[in-house]
PDB file of all heavy atoms in Angstrom:
ATOM      1  N   LYS A   1       0.828  -1.186   0.007  1.00  0.00           N
ATOM      2  CA  LYS A   1      -0.022  -0.028   0.025  1.00  0.00           C
ATOM      3  C   LYS A   1       0.859   1.246  -0.028  1.00  0.00           C
ATOM      4  O   LYS A   1       0.408   2.354  -0.369  1.00  0.00           O
ATOM      5  CB  LYS A   1      -0.943   0.007   1.222  1.00  0.00           C
ATOM      6  CG  LYS A   1      -2.023  -1.075   1.118  1.00  0.00           C
ATOM      7  CD  LYS A   1      -2.818  -1.164   2.416  1.00  0.00           C
ATOM      8  CE  LYS A   1      -3.834  -2.289   2.264  1.00  0.00           C
ATOM      9  NZ  LYS A   1      -4.581  -2.474   3.621  1.00  0.00           N
ATOM     10  N   MET A   2       2.095   1.103   0.377  1.00  0.00           N
ATOM     11  CA  MET A   2       3.061   2.265   0.368  1.00  0.00           C
ATOM     12  C   MET A   2       3.926   2.178  -0.868  1.00  0.00           C
ATOM     13  O   MET A   2       4.896   2.934  -0.968  1.00  0.00           O
ATOM     14  CB  MET A   2       3.907   2.196   1.618  1.00  0.00           C
ATOM     15  CG  MET A   2       3.116   2.225   2.913  1.00  0.00           C
ATOM     16  SD  MET A   2       4.094   1.841   4.413  1.00  0.00           S
ATOM     17  CE  MET A   2       5.038   3.342   4.586  1.00  0.00           C
ATOM     18  N   ARG A   3       3.535   1.321  -1.857  1.00  0.00           N
ATOM     19  CA  ARG A   3       4.230   1.167  -3.149  1.00  0.00           C
ATOM     20  C   ARG A   3       5.659   0.638  -2.980  1.00  0.00           C
ATOM     21  O   ARG A   3       6.584   0.899  -3.818  1.00  0.00           O
ATOM     22  CB  ARG A   3       4.329   2.500  -3.906  1.00  0.00           C
ATOM     23  CG  ARG A   3       2.923   3.053  -4.256  1.00  0.00           C
ATOM     24  CD  ARG A   3       2.970   4.244  -5.198  1.00  0.00           C
ATOM     25  NE  ARG A   3       3.538   3.743  -6.509  1.00  0.00           N
ATOM     26  CZ  ARG A   3       2.869   3.055  -7.490  1.00  0.00           C
ATOM     27  NH1 ARG A   3       1.604   2.802  -7.255  1.00  0.00           N
ATOM     28  NH2 ARG A   3       3.476   2.798  -8.603  1.00  0.00           N
ATOM     29  N   LEU A   4       5.906  -0.139  -1.936  1.00  0.00           N
ATOM     30  CA  LEU A   4       7.178  -0.785  -1.754  1.00  0.00           C
ATOM     31  C   LEU A   4       7.076  -2.193  -2.469  1.00  0.00           C
ATOM     32  O   LEU A   4       6.012  -2.806  -2.591  1.00  0.00           O
ATOM     33  CB  LEU A   4       7.485  -1.028  -0.334  1.00  0.00           C
ATOM     34  CG  LEU A   4       7.884   0.230   0.490  1.00  0.00           C
ATOM     35  CD1 LEU A   4       7.755  -0.136   2.042  1.00  0.00           C
ATOM     36  CD2 LEU A   4       9.256   0.660   0.141  1.00  0.00           C
ATOM     37  N   LEU A   5       8.239  -2.633  -2.989  1.00  0.00           N
ATOM     38  CA  LEU A   5       8.285  -3.906  -3.675  1.00  0.00           C
ATOM     39  C   LEU A   5       8.572  -5.011  -2.696  1.00  0.00           C
ATOM     40  O   LEU A   5       9.686  -5.207  -2.148  1.00  0.00           O
ATOM     41  CB  LEU A   5       9.410  -3.904  -4.747  1.00  0.00           C
ATOM     42  CG  LEU A   5       9.088  -3.225  -6.079  1.00  0.00           C
ATOM     43  CD1 LEU A   5      10.288  -3.334  -7.004  1.00  0.00           C
ATOM     44  CD2 LEU A   5       7.894  -3.883  -6.769  1.00  0.00           C
ATOM     45  N   LEU A   6       7.537  -5.716  -2.356  1.00  0.00           N
ATOM     46  CA  LEU A   6       7.596  -6.847  -1.428  1.00  0.00           C
ATOM     47  C   LEU A   6       6.845  -8.023  -1.993  1.00  0.00           C
ATOM     48  O   LEU A   6       5.901  -7.862  -2.784  1.00  0.00           O
ATOM     49  CB  LEU A   6       6.998  -6.580  -0.072  1.00  0.00           C
ATOM     50  CG  LEU A   6       7.486  -5.282   0.711  1.00  0.00           C
ATOM     51  CD1 LEU A   6       6.578  -5.054   1.891  1.00  0.00           C
ATOM     52  CD2 LEU A   6       8.941  -5.549   1.093  1.00  0.00           C
ATOM     53  N   GLY A   7       7.290  -9.207  -1.620  1.00  0.00           N
ATOM     54  CA  GLY A   7       6.576 -10.403  -2.028  1.00  0.00           C
ATOM     55  C   GLY A   7       6.613 -11.545  -1.054  1.00  0.00           C
ATOM     56  O   GLY A   7       7.675 -11.747  -0.457  1.00  0.00           O
ATOM     57  N   VAL A   8       5.480 -12.095  -0.672  1.00  0.00           N
ATOM     58  CA  VAL A   8       5.444 -13.265   0.162  1.00  0.00           C
ATOM     59  C   VAL A   8       5.856 -14.537  -0.609  1.00  0.00           C
ATOM     60  O   VAL A   8       5.376 -14.770  -1.762  1.00  0.00           O
ATOM     61  CB  VAL A   8       4.018 -13.503   0.741  1.00  0.00           C
ATOM     62  CG1 VAL A   8       3.990 -14.705   1.666  1.00  0.00           C
ATOM     63  CG2 VAL A   8       3.520 -12.229   1.476  1.00  0.00           C
ATOM     64  N   VAL A   9       6.711 -15.262  -0.003  1.00  0.00           N
ATOM     65  CA  VAL A   9       7.118 -16.576  -0.653  1.00  0.00           C
ATOM     66  C   VAL A   9       5.929 -17.519  -0.332  1.00  0.00           C
ATOM     67  O   VAL A   9       5.877 -18.170   0.749  1.00  0.00           O
ATOM     68  CB  VAL A   9       8.441 -17.095  -0.054  1.00  0.00           C
ATOM     69  CG1 VAL A   9       8.806 -18.450  -0.781  1.00  0.00           C
ATOM     70  CG2 VAL A   9       9.529 -16.118  -0.374  1.00  0.00           C
ATOM     71  N   GLN A  10       5.103 -17.646  -1.318  1.00  0.00           N
ATOM     72  CA  GLN A  10       3.813 -18.385  -1.044  1.00  0.00           C
ATOM     73  C   GLN A  10       3.968 -19.889  -1.337  1.00  0.00           C
ATOM     74  O   GLN A  10       4.520 -20.326  -2.398  1.00  0.00           O
ATOM     75  CB  GLN A  10       2.684 -17.875  -1.933  1.00  0.00           C
ATOM     76  CG  GLN A  10       2.309 -16.402  -1.600  1.00  0.00           C
ATOM     77  CD  GLN A  10       0.935 -16.043  -1.902  1.00  0.00           C
ATOM     78  OE1 GLN A  10      -0.061 -16.160  -1.119  1.00  0.00           O
ATOM     79  NE2 GLN A  10       0.690 -15.620  -3.153  1.00  0.00           N
ATOM     80  N   SER A  11       3.496 -20.711  -0.504  1.00  0.00           N
ATOM     81  CA  SER A  11       3.421 -22.147  -0.632  1.00  0.00           C
ATOM     82  C   SER A  11       2.209 -22.488  -1.387  1.00  0.00           C
ATOM     83  O   SER A  11       1.374 -21.615  -1.711  1.00  0.00           O
ATOM     84  CB  SER A  11       3.400 -22.893   0.734  1.00  0.00           C
ATOM     85  OG  SER A  11       2.208 -22.575   1.429  1.00  0.00           O
ATOM     86  N   ALA A  12       2.070 -23.797  -1.798  1.00  0.00           N
ATOM     87  CA  ALA A  12       0.816 -24.267  -2.418  1.00  0.00           C
ATOM     88  C   ALA A  12      -0.379 -23.967  -1.552  1.00  0.00           C
ATOM     89  O   ALA A  12      -1.429 -23.520  -2.087  1.00  0.00           O
ATOM     90  CB  ALA A  12       0.909 -25.802  -2.731  1.00  0.00           C
ATOM     91  N   GLU A  13      -0.247 -24.159  -0.255  1.00  0.00           N
ATOM     92  CA  GLU A  13      -1.408 -23.878   0.621  1.00  0.00           C
ATOM     93  C   GLU A  13      -1.704 -22.396   0.611  1.00  0.00           C
ATOM     94  O   GLU A  13      -2.918 -22.015   0.570  1.00  0.00           O
ATOM     95  CB  GLU A  13      -1.049 -24.245   2.050  1.00  0.00           C
ATOM     96  CG  GLU A  13      -2.120 -24.030   3.154  1.00  0.00           C
ATOM     97  CD  GLU A  13      -1.746 -24.457   4.488  1.00  0.00           C
ATOM     98  OE1 GLU A  13      -0.505 -24.750   4.721  1.00  0.00           O
ATOM     99  OE2 GLU A  13      -2.554 -24.379   5.398  1.00  0.00           O
ATOM    100  N   ASP A  14      -0.740 -21.551   0.570  1.00  0.00           N
ATOM    101  CA  ASP A  14      -0.940 -20.053   0.540  1.00  0.00           C
ATOM    102  C   ASP A  14      -1.670 -19.739  -0.807  1.00  0.00           C
ATOM    103  O   ASP A  14      -2.591 -18.821  -0.801  1.00  0.00           O
ATOM    104  CB  ASP A  14       0.354 -19.358   0.613  1.00  0.00           C
ATOM    105  CG  ASP A  14       1.091 -19.500   1.928  1.00  0.00           C
ATOM    106  OD1 ASP A  14       0.337 -19.688   2.956  1.00  0.00           O
ATOM    107  OD2 ASP A  14       2.315 -19.567   1.947  1.00  0.00           O
ATOM    108  N   LEU A  15      -1.190 -20.320  -1.912  1.00  0.00           N
ATOM    109  CA  LEU A  15      -1.790 -19.962  -3.174  1.00  0.00           C
ATOM    110  C   LEU A  15      -3.268 -20.335  -3.253  1.00  0.00           C
ATOM    111  O   LEU A  15      -4.105 -19.563  -3.693  1.00  0.00           O
ATOM    112  CB  LEU A  15      -1.012 -20.649  -4.315  1.00  0.00           C
ATOM    113  CG  LEU A  15       0.333 -20.068  -4.612  1.00  0.00           C
ATOM    114  CD1 LEU A  15       1.134 -20.994  -5.580  1.00  0.00           C
ATOM    115  CD2 LEU A  15       0.298 -18.713  -5.187  1.00  0.00           C
ATOM    116  N   LEU A  16      -3.568 -21.501  -2.739  1.00  0.00           N
ATOM    117  CA  LEU A  16      -4.990 -21.965  -2.770  1.00  0.00           C
ATOM    118  C   LEU A  16      -5.893 -21.103  -1.853  1.00  0.00           C
ATOM    119  O   LEU A  16      -7.111 -21.054  -2.090  1.00  0.00           O
ATOM    120  CB  LEU A  16      -5.078 -23.472  -2.326  1.00  0.00           C
ATOM    121  CG  LEU A  16      -4.531 -24.436  -3.405  1.00  0.00           C
ATOM    122  CD1 LEU A  16      -4.452 -25.757  -2.771  1.00  0.00           C
ATOM    123  CD2 LEU A  16      -5.390 -24.423  -4.655  1.00  0.00           C
ATOM    124  N   ALA A  17      -5.278 -20.509  -0.860  1.00  0.00           N
ATOM    125  CA  ALA A  17      -6.027 -19.649   0.081  1.00  0.00           C
ATOM    126  C   ALA A  17      -5.889 -18.189  -0.289  1.00  0.00           C
ATOM    127  O   ALA A  17      -6.537 -17.299   0.392  1.00  0.00           O
ATOM    128  CB  ALA A  17      -5.531 -19.861   1.490  1.00  0.00           C
ATOM    129  N   CYS A  18      -5.184 -17.841  -1.334  1.00  0.00           N
ATOM    130  CA  CYS A  18      -4.928 -16.461  -1.681  1.00  0.00           C
ATOM    131  C   CYS A  18      -6.199 -15.704  -2.041  1.00  0.00           C
ATOM    132  O   CYS A  18      -6.942 -16.151  -3.032  1.00  0.00           O
ATOM    133  CB  CYS A  18      -3.894 -16.348  -2.810  1.00  0.00           C
ATOM    134  SG  CYS A  18      -3.575 -14.682  -3.394  1.00  0.00           S
ATOM    135  N   GLU A  19      -6.516 -14.678  -1.387  1.00  0.00           N
ATOM    136  CA  GLU A  19      -7.779 -14.001  -1.552  1.00  0.00           C
ATOM    137  C   GLU A  19      -7.782 -13.247  -2.966  1.00  0.00           C
ATOM    138  O   GLU A  19      -8.881 -13.175  -3.580  1.00  0.00           O
ATOM    139  CB  GLU A  19      -8.088 -12.921  -0.482  1.00  0.00           C
ATOM    140  CG  GLU A  19      -7.116 -11.768  -0.432  1.00  0.00           C
ATOM    141  CD  GLU A  19      -5.866 -12.071   0.460  1.00  0.00           C
ATOM    142  OE1 GLU A  19      -5.600 -13.248   0.774  1.00  0.00           O
ATOM    143  OE2 GLU A  19      -5.201 -11.116   0.874  1.00  0.00           O
ATOM    144  N   HIS A  20      -6.647 -12.898  -3.429  1.00  0.00           N
ATOM    145  CA  HIS A  20      -6.507 -12.270  -4.760  1.00  0.00           C
ATOM    146  C   HIS A  20      -6.898 -13.280  -5.874  1.00  0.00           C
ATOM    147  O   HIS A  20      -7.651 -12.968  -6.803  1.00  0.00           O
ATOM    148  CB  HIS A  20      -5.172 -11.677  -5.009  1.00  0.00           C
ATOM    149  CG  HIS A  20      -5.010 -10.981  -6.324  1.00  0.00           C
ATOM    150  ND1 HIS A  20      -5.467  -9.805  -6.541  1.00  0.00           N
ATOM    151  CD2 HIS A  20      -4.416 -11.415  -7.453  1.00  0.00           C
ATOM    152  CE1 HIS A  20      -5.269  -9.384  -7.763  1.00  0.00           C
ATOM    153  NE2 HIS A  20      -4.613 -10.374  -8.372  1.00  0.00           N
ATOM    154  N   LEU A  21      -6.329 -14.458  -5.795  1.00  0.00           N
ATOM    155  CA  LEU A  21      -6.582 -15.482  -6.757  1.00  0.00           C
ATOM    156  C   LEU A  21      -8.051 -15.956  -6.719  1.00  0.00           C
ATOM    157  O   LEU A  21      -8.720 -16.282  -7.687  1.00  0.00           O
ATOM    158  CB  LEU A  21      -5.640 -16.653  -6.613  1.00  0.00           C
ATOM    159  CG  LEU A  21      -4.095 -16.351  -6.882  1.00  0.00           C
ATOM    160  CD1 LEU A  21      -3.277 -17.573  -6.601  1.00  0.00           C
ATOM    161  CD2 LEU A  21      -3.984 -15.912  -8.361  1.00  0.00           C
ATOM    162  N   GLN A  22      -8.519 -16.056  -5.507  1.00  0.00           N
ATOM    163  CA  GLN A  22      -9.947 -16.454  -5.308  1.00  0.00           C
ATOM    164  C   GLN A  22     -10.876 -15.387  -5.925  1.00  0.00           C
ATOM    165  O   GLN A  22     -11.863 -15.720  -6.630  1.00  0.00           O
ATOM    166  CB  GLN A  22     -10.285 -16.606  -3.859  1.00  0.00           C
ATOM    167  CG  GLN A  22      -9.677 -17.842  -3.184  1.00  0.00           C
ATOM    168  CD  GLN A  22     -10.000 -18.051  -1.752  1.00  0.00           C
ATOM    169  OE1 GLN A  22     -10.639 -17.170  -1.161  1.00  0.00           O
ATOM    170  NE2 GLN A  22      -9.440 -19.062  -1.147  1.00  0.00           N
ATOM    171  N   GLU A  23     -10.608 -14.102  -5.735  1.00  0.00           N
ATOM    172  CA  GLU A  23     -11.394 -13.045  -6.229  1.00  0.00           C
ATOM    173  C   GLU A  23     -11.442 -13.084  -7.801  1.00  0.00           C
ATOM    174  O   GLU A  23     -12.441 -12.748  -8.422  1.00  0.00           O
ATOM    175  CB  GLU A  23     -10.840 -11.683  -5.781  1.00  0.00           C
ATOM    176  CG  GLU A  23     -11.531 -10.468  -6.415  1.00  0.00           C
ATOM    177  CD  GLU A  23     -12.896 -10.190  -5.646  1.00  0.00           C
ATOM    178  OE1 GLU A  23     -13.170 -10.723  -4.582  1.00  0.00           O
ATOM    179  OE2 GLU A  23     -13.667  -9.441  -6.377  1.00  0.00           O
ATOM    180  N   ARG A  24     -10.307 -13.483  -8.344  1.00  0.00           N
ATOM    181  CA  ARG A  24     -10.213 -13.573  -9.812  1.00  0.00           C
ATOM    182  C   ARG A  24     -10.621 -14.911 -10.356  1.00  0.00           C
ATOM    183  O   ARG A  24     -10.418 -15.168 -11.583  1.00  0.00           O
ATOM    184  CB  ARG A  24      -8.756 -13.229 -10.269  1.00  0.00           C
ATOM    185  CG  ARG A  24      -8.526 -11.704 -10.026  1.00  0.00           C
ATOM    186  CD  ARG A  24      -7.105 -11.337 -10.442  1.00  0.00           C
ATOM    187  NE  ARG A  24      -6.811 -11.703 -11.825  1.00  0.00           N
ATOM    188  CZ  ARG A  24      -7.149 -11.000 -12.905  1.00  0.00           C
ATOM    189  NH1 ARG A  24      -7.954  -9.980 -12.790  1.00  0.00           N
ATOM    190  NH2 ARG A  24      -6.822 -11.441 -14.098  1.00  0.00           N
ATOM    191  N   HIS A  25     -11.071 -15.831  -9.560  1.00  0.00           N
ATOM    192  CA  HIS A  25     -11.495 -17.155  -9.951  1.00  0.00           C
ATOM    193  C   HIS A  25     -10.445 -17.901 -10.743  1.00  0.00           C
ATOM    194  O   HIS A  25     -10.673 -18.441 -11.852  1.00  0.00           O
ATOM    195  CB  HIS A  25     -12.815 -17.013 -10.861  1.00  0.00           C
ATOM    196  CG  HIS A  25     -13.920 -16.337 -10.099  1.00  0.00           C
ATOM    197  ND1 HIS A  25     -14.601 -16.806  -9.057  1.00  0.00           N
ATOM    198  CD2 HIS A  25     -14.444 -15.098 -10.317  1.00  0.00           C
ATOM    199  CE1 HIS A  25     -15.532 -15.944  -8.646  1.00  0.00           C
ATOM    200  NE2 HIS A  25     -15.453 -14.855  -9.386  1.00  0.00           N
ATOM    201  N   ALA A  26      -9.207 -17.863 -10.211  1.00  0.00           N
ATOM    202  CA  ALA A  26      -8.086 -18.484 -10.896  1.00  0.00           C
ATOM    203  C   ALA A  26      -8.097 -19.964 -10.910  1.00  0.00           C
ATOM    204  O   ALA A  26      -7.373 -20.595 -11.631  1.00  0.00           O
ATOM    205  CB  ALA A  26      -6.808 -17.995 -10.269  1.00  0.00           C
ATOM    206  N   PHE A  27      -8.871 -20.591  -9.947  1.00  0.00           N
ATOM    207  CA  PHE A  27      -8.919 -22.053  -9.790  1.00  0.00           C
ATOM    208  C   PHE A  27     -10.247 -22.638 -10.208  1.00  0.00           C
ATOM    209  O   PHE A  27     -11.332 -21.938 -10.071  1.00  0.00           O
ATOM    210  CB  PHE A  27      -8.576 -22.466  -8.348  1.00  0.00           C
ATOM    211  CG  PHE A  27      -7.214 -22.063  -7.886  1.00  0.00           C
ATOM    212  CD1 PHE A  27      -7.002 -20.914  -7.190  1.00  0.00           C
ATOM    213  CD2 PHE A  27      -6.069 -22.844  -8.204  1.00  0.00           C
ATOM    214  CE1 PHE A  27      -5.711 -20.557  -6.769  1.00  0.00           C
ATOM    215  CE2 PHE A  27      -4.820 -22.524  -7.807  1.00  0.00           C
ATOM    216  CZ  PHE A  27      -4.692 -21.325  -7.133  1.00  0.00           C
ATOM    217  N   VAL A  28     -10.182 -23.808 -10.693  1.00  0.00           N
ATOM    218  CA  VAL A  28     -11.425 -24.552 -10.980  1.00  0.00           C
ATOM    219  C   VAL A  28     -11.397 -25.883 -10.199  1.00  0.00           C
ATOM    220  O   VAL A  28     -10.292 -26.424  -9.994  1.00  0.00           O
ATOM    221  CB  VAL A  28     -11.592 -24.859 -12.483  1.00  0.00           C
ATOM    222  CG1 VAL A  28     -10.460 -25.773 -12.992  1.00  0.00           C
ATOM    223  CG2 VAL A  28     -12.934 -25.471 -12.782  1.00  0.00           C
ATOM    224  N   GLU A  29     -12.541 -26.293  -9.652  1.00  0.00           N
ATOM    225  CA  GLU A  29     -12.574 -27.549  -8.885  1.00  0.00           C
ATOM    226  C   GLU A  29     -13.267 -28.643  -9.746  1.00  0.00           C
ATOM    227  O   GLU A  29     -14.387 -28.446 -10.207  1.00  0.00           O
ATOM    228  CB  GLU A  29     -13.383 -27.268  -7.585  1.00  0.00           C
ATOM    229  CG  GLU A  29     -13.267 -28.404  -6.595  1.00  0.00           C
ATOM    230  CD  GLU A  29     -13.842 -28.082  -5.247  1.00  0.00           C
ATOM    231  OE1 GLU A  29     -13.169 -27.438  -4.468  1.00  0.00           O
ATOM    232  OE2 GLU A  29     -15.016 -28.433  -5.044  1.00  0.00           O
ATOM    233  N   LEU A  30     -12.512 -29.728  -9.910  1.00  0.00           N
ATOM    234  CA  LEU A  30     -13.014 -30.765 -10.804  1.00  0.00           C
ATOM    235  C   LEU A  30     -13.111 -32.132 -10.046  1.00  0.00           C
ATOM    236  O   LEU A  30     -12.185 -32.367  -9.220  1.00  0.00           O
ATOM    237  CB  LEU A  30     -12.182 -30.948 -12.048  1.00  0.00           C
ATOM    238  CG  LEU A  30     -12.151 -29.757 -13.022  1.00  0.00           C
ATOM    239  CD1 LEU A  30     -11.152 -30.056 -14.122  1.00  0.00           C
ATOM    240  CD2 LEU A  30     -13.571 -29.501 -13.617  1.00  0.00           C
ATOM    241  N   GLU A  31     -14.013 -32.927 -10.389  1.00  0.00           N
ATOM    242  CA  GLU A  31     -14.108 -34.271  -9.870  1.00  0.00           C
ATOM    243  C   GLU A  31     -13.978 -35.257 -11.017  1.00  0.00           C
ATOM    244  O   GLU A  31     -14.709 -35.066 -12.071  1.00  0.00           O
ATOM    245  CB  GLU A  31     -15.397 -34.487  -9.104  1.00  0.00           C
ATOM    246  CG  GLU A  31     -15.474 -35.896  -8.389  1.00  0.00           C
ATOM    247  CD  GLU A  31     -16.685 -36.029  -7.544  1.00  0.00           C
ATOM    248  OE1 GLU A  31     -17.502 -35.063  -7.481  1.00  0.00           O
ATOM    249  OE2 GLU A  31     -16.800 -37.058  -6.926  1.00  0.00           O
ATOM    250  N   HIS A  32     -13.166 -36.231 -10.857  1.00  0.00           N
ATOM    251  CA  HIS A  32     -13.000 -37.296 -11.919  1.00  0.00           C
ATOM    252  C   HIS A  32     -13.507 -38.632 -11.349  1.00  0.00           C
ATOM    253  O   HIS A  32     -13.197 -38.924 -10.169  1.00  0.00           O
ATOM    254  CB  HIS A  32     -11.500 -37.427 -12.257  1.00  0.00           C
ATOM    255  CG  HIS A  32     -11.308 -38.146 -13.584  1.00  0.00           C
ATOM    256  ND1 HIS A  32     -11.443 -39.486 -13.719  1.00  0.00           N
ATOM    257  CD2 HIS A  32     -10.959 -37.674 -14.846  1.00  0.00           C
ATOM    258  CE1 HIS A  32     -11.187 -39.871 -14.943  1.00  0.00           C
ATOM    259  NE2 HIS A  32     -10.875 -38.753 -15.664  1.00  0.00           N
ATOM    260  N   PRO A  33     -14.357 -39.362 -12.090  1.00  0.00           N
ATOM    261  CA  PRO A  33     -14.902 -40.600 -11.531  1.00  0.00           C
ATOM    262  C   PRO A  33     -13.835 -41.670 -11.187  1.00  0.00           C
ATOM    263  O   PRO A  33     -14.062 -42.490 -10.272  1.00  0.00           O
ATOM    264  CB  PRO A  33     -15.814 -41.145 -12.674  1.00  0.00           C
ATOM    265  CG  PRO A  33     -15.242 -40.442 -13.901  1.00  0.00           C
ATOM    266  CD  PRO A  33     -14.771 -39.084 -13.428  1.00  0.00           C
ATOM    267  N   SER A  34     -12.626 -41.562 -11.806  1.00  0.00           N
ATOM    268  CA  SER A  34     -11.589 -42.533 -11.436  1.00  0.00           C
ATOM    269  C   SER A  34     -10.894 -42.264 -10.151  1.00  0.00           C
ATOM    270  O   SER A  34     -10.544 -43.190  -9.403  1.00  0.00           O
ATOM    271  CB  SER A  34     -10.589 -42.619 -12.587  1.00  0.00           C
ATOM    272  OG  SER A  34     -11.155 -43.053 -13.795  1.00  0.00           O
ATOM    273  N   THR A  35     -10.630 -40.956  -9.912  1.00  0.00           N
ATOM    274  CA  THR A  35      -9.937 -40.558  -8.688  1.00  0.00           C
ATOM    275  C   THR A  35     -10.884 -40.245  -7.531  1.00  0.00           C
ATOM    276  O   THR A  35     -10.474 -40.257  -6.357  1.00  0.00           O
ATOM    277  CB  THR A  35      -8.943 -39.426  -8.910  1.00  0.00           C
ATOM    278  OG1 THR A  35      -9.699 -38.342  -9.606  1.00  0.00           O
ATOM    279  CG2 THR A  35      -7.815 -39.842  -9.802  1.00  0.00           C
ATOM    280  N   GLY A  36     -12.078 -39.932  -7.872  1.00  0.00           N
ATOM    281  CA  GLY A  36     -13.154 -39.812  -6.870  1.00  0.00           C
ATOM    282  C   GLY A  36     -13.218 -38.453  -6.125  1.00  0.00           C
ATOM    283  O   GLY A  36     -14.296 -37.973  -5.801  1.00  0.00           O
ATOM    284  N   THR A  37     -12.085 -37.863  -5.789  1.00  0.00           N
ATOM    285  CA  THR A  37     -12.080 -36.694  -5.026  1.00  0.00           C
ATOM    286  C   THR A  37     -12.174 -35.420  -5.916  1.00  0.00           C
ATOM    287  O   THR A  37     -11.750 -35.422  -7.027  1.00  0.00           O
ATOM    288  CB  THR A  37     -10.822 -36.584  -4.162  1.00  0.00           C
ATOM    289  OG1 THR A  37      -9.707 -36.734  -5.007  1.00  0.00           O
ATOM    290  CG2 THR A  37     -10.843 -37.705  -3.142  1.00  0.00           C
ATOM    291  N   ARG A  38     -12.636 -34.325  -5.360  1.00  0.00           N
ATOM    292  CA  ARG A  38     -12.596 -33.016  -6.033  1.00  0.00           C
ATOM    293  C   ARG A  38     -11.261 -32.365  -5.799  1.00  0.00           C
ATOM    294  O   ARG A  38     -10.786 -32.211  -4.739  1.00  0.00           O
ATOM    295  CB  ARG A  38     -13.714 -32.145  -5.507  1.00  0.00           C
ATOM    296  CG  ARG A  38     -15.141 -32.717  -5.818  1.00  0.00           C
ATOM    297  CD  ARG A  38     -16.258 -31.772  -5.398  1.00  0.00           C
ATOM    298  NE  ARG A  38     -16.268 -30.577  -6.347  1.00  0.00           N
ATOM    299  CZ  ARG A  38     -16.877 -30.542  -7.495  1.00  0.00           C
ATOM    300  NH1 ARG A  38     -17.517 -31.659  -7.906  1.00  0.00           N
ATOM    301  NH2 ARG A  38     -16.873 -29.481  -8.186  1.00  0.00           N
ATOM    302  N   ILE A  39     -10.632 -31.959  -6.941  1.00  0.00           N
ATOM    303  CA  ILE A  39      -9.325 -31.390  -6.903  1.00  0.00           C
ATOM    304  C   ILE A  39      -9.355 -29.903  -7.503  1.00  0.00           C
ATOM    305  O   ILE A  39     -10.084 -29.723  -8.498  1.00  0.00           O
ATOM    306  CB  ILE A  39      -8.333 -32.190  -7.811  1.00  0.00           C
ATOM    307  CG1 ILE A  39      -8.312 -33.649  -7.348  1.00  0.00           C
ATOM    308  CG2 ILE A  39      -6.894 -31.605  -7.753  1.00  0.00           C
ATOM    309  CD1 ILE A  39      -7.769 -33.866  -5.974  1.00  0.00           C
ATOM    310  N   ARG A  40      -8.655 -29.060  -6.835  1.00  0.00           N
ATOM    311  CA  ARG A  40      -8.605 -27.684  -7.385  1.00  0.00           C
ATOM    312  C   ARG A  40      -7.324 -27.521  -8.299  1.00  0.00           C
ATOM    313  O   ARG A  40      -6.249 -27.950  -7.891  1.00  0.00           O
ATOM    314  CB  ARG A  40      -8.499 -26.667  -6.252  1.00  0.00           C
ATOM    315  CG  ARG A  40      -9.842 -26.611  -5.439  1.00  0.00           C
ATOM    316  CD  ARG A  40      -9.654 -25.625  -4.273  1.00  0.00           C
ATOM    317  NE  ARG A  40      -9.554 -24.241  -4.752  1.00  0.00           N
ATOM    318  CZ  ARG A  40      -9.219 -23.228  -3.972  1.00  0.00           C
ATOM    319  NH1 ARG A  40      -8.904 -23.391  -2.730  1.00  0.00           N
ATOM    320  NH2 ARG A  40      -9.215 -22.000  -4.423  1.00  0.00           N
ATOM    321  N   PHE A  41      -7.582 -26.987  -9.465  1.00  0.00           N
ATOM    322  CA  PHE A  41      -6.500 -26.741 -10.477  1.00  0.00           C
ATOM    323  C   PHE A  41      -6.459 -25.293 -10.881  1.00  0.00           C
ATOM    324  O   PHE A  41      -7.461 -24.660 -10.950  1.00  0.00           O
ATOM    325  CB  PHE A  41      -6.764 -27.632 -11.713  1.00  0.00           C
ATOM    326  CG  PHE A  41      -6.736 -29.047 -11.524  1.00  0.00           C
ATOM    327  CD1 PHE A  41      -7.891 -29.747 -11.429  1.00  0.00           C
ATOM    328  CD2 PHE A  41      -5.516 -29.727 -11.535  1.00  0.00           C
ATOM    329  CE1 PHE A  41      -7.885 -31.216 -11.275  1.00  0.00           C
ATOM    330  CE2 PHE A  41      -5.470 -31.189 -11.399  1.00  0.00           C
ATOM    331  CZ  PHE A  41      -6.635 -31.873 -11.274  1.00  0.00           C
ATOM    332  N   PRO A  42      -5.285 -24.810 -11.144  1.00  0.00           N
ATOM    333  CA  PRO A  42      -5.183 -23.416 -11.780  1.00  0.00           C
ATOM    334  C   PRO A  42      -5.781 -23.554 -13.215  1.00  0.00           C
ATOM    335  O   PRO A  42      -5.430 -24.494 -13.974  1.00  0.00           O
ATOM    336  CB  PRO A  42      -3.745 -23.129 -11.782  1.00  0.00           C
ATOM    337  CG  PRO A  42      -3.024 -24.446 -11.713  1.00  0.00           C
ATOM    338  CD  PRO A  42      -3.988 -25.301 -10.921  1.00  0.00           C
TER     339      PRO A  42
END
């Protein structure tokens, strides 16, 4: 907010929880009958 260049070293967990990526709908959640579970993909 002060226009400084900073970046968080984000893990996979951080990326999936990132409010910016969520706001922009960057991920899709898919379910495959073979694997059974719903997986989030970019």
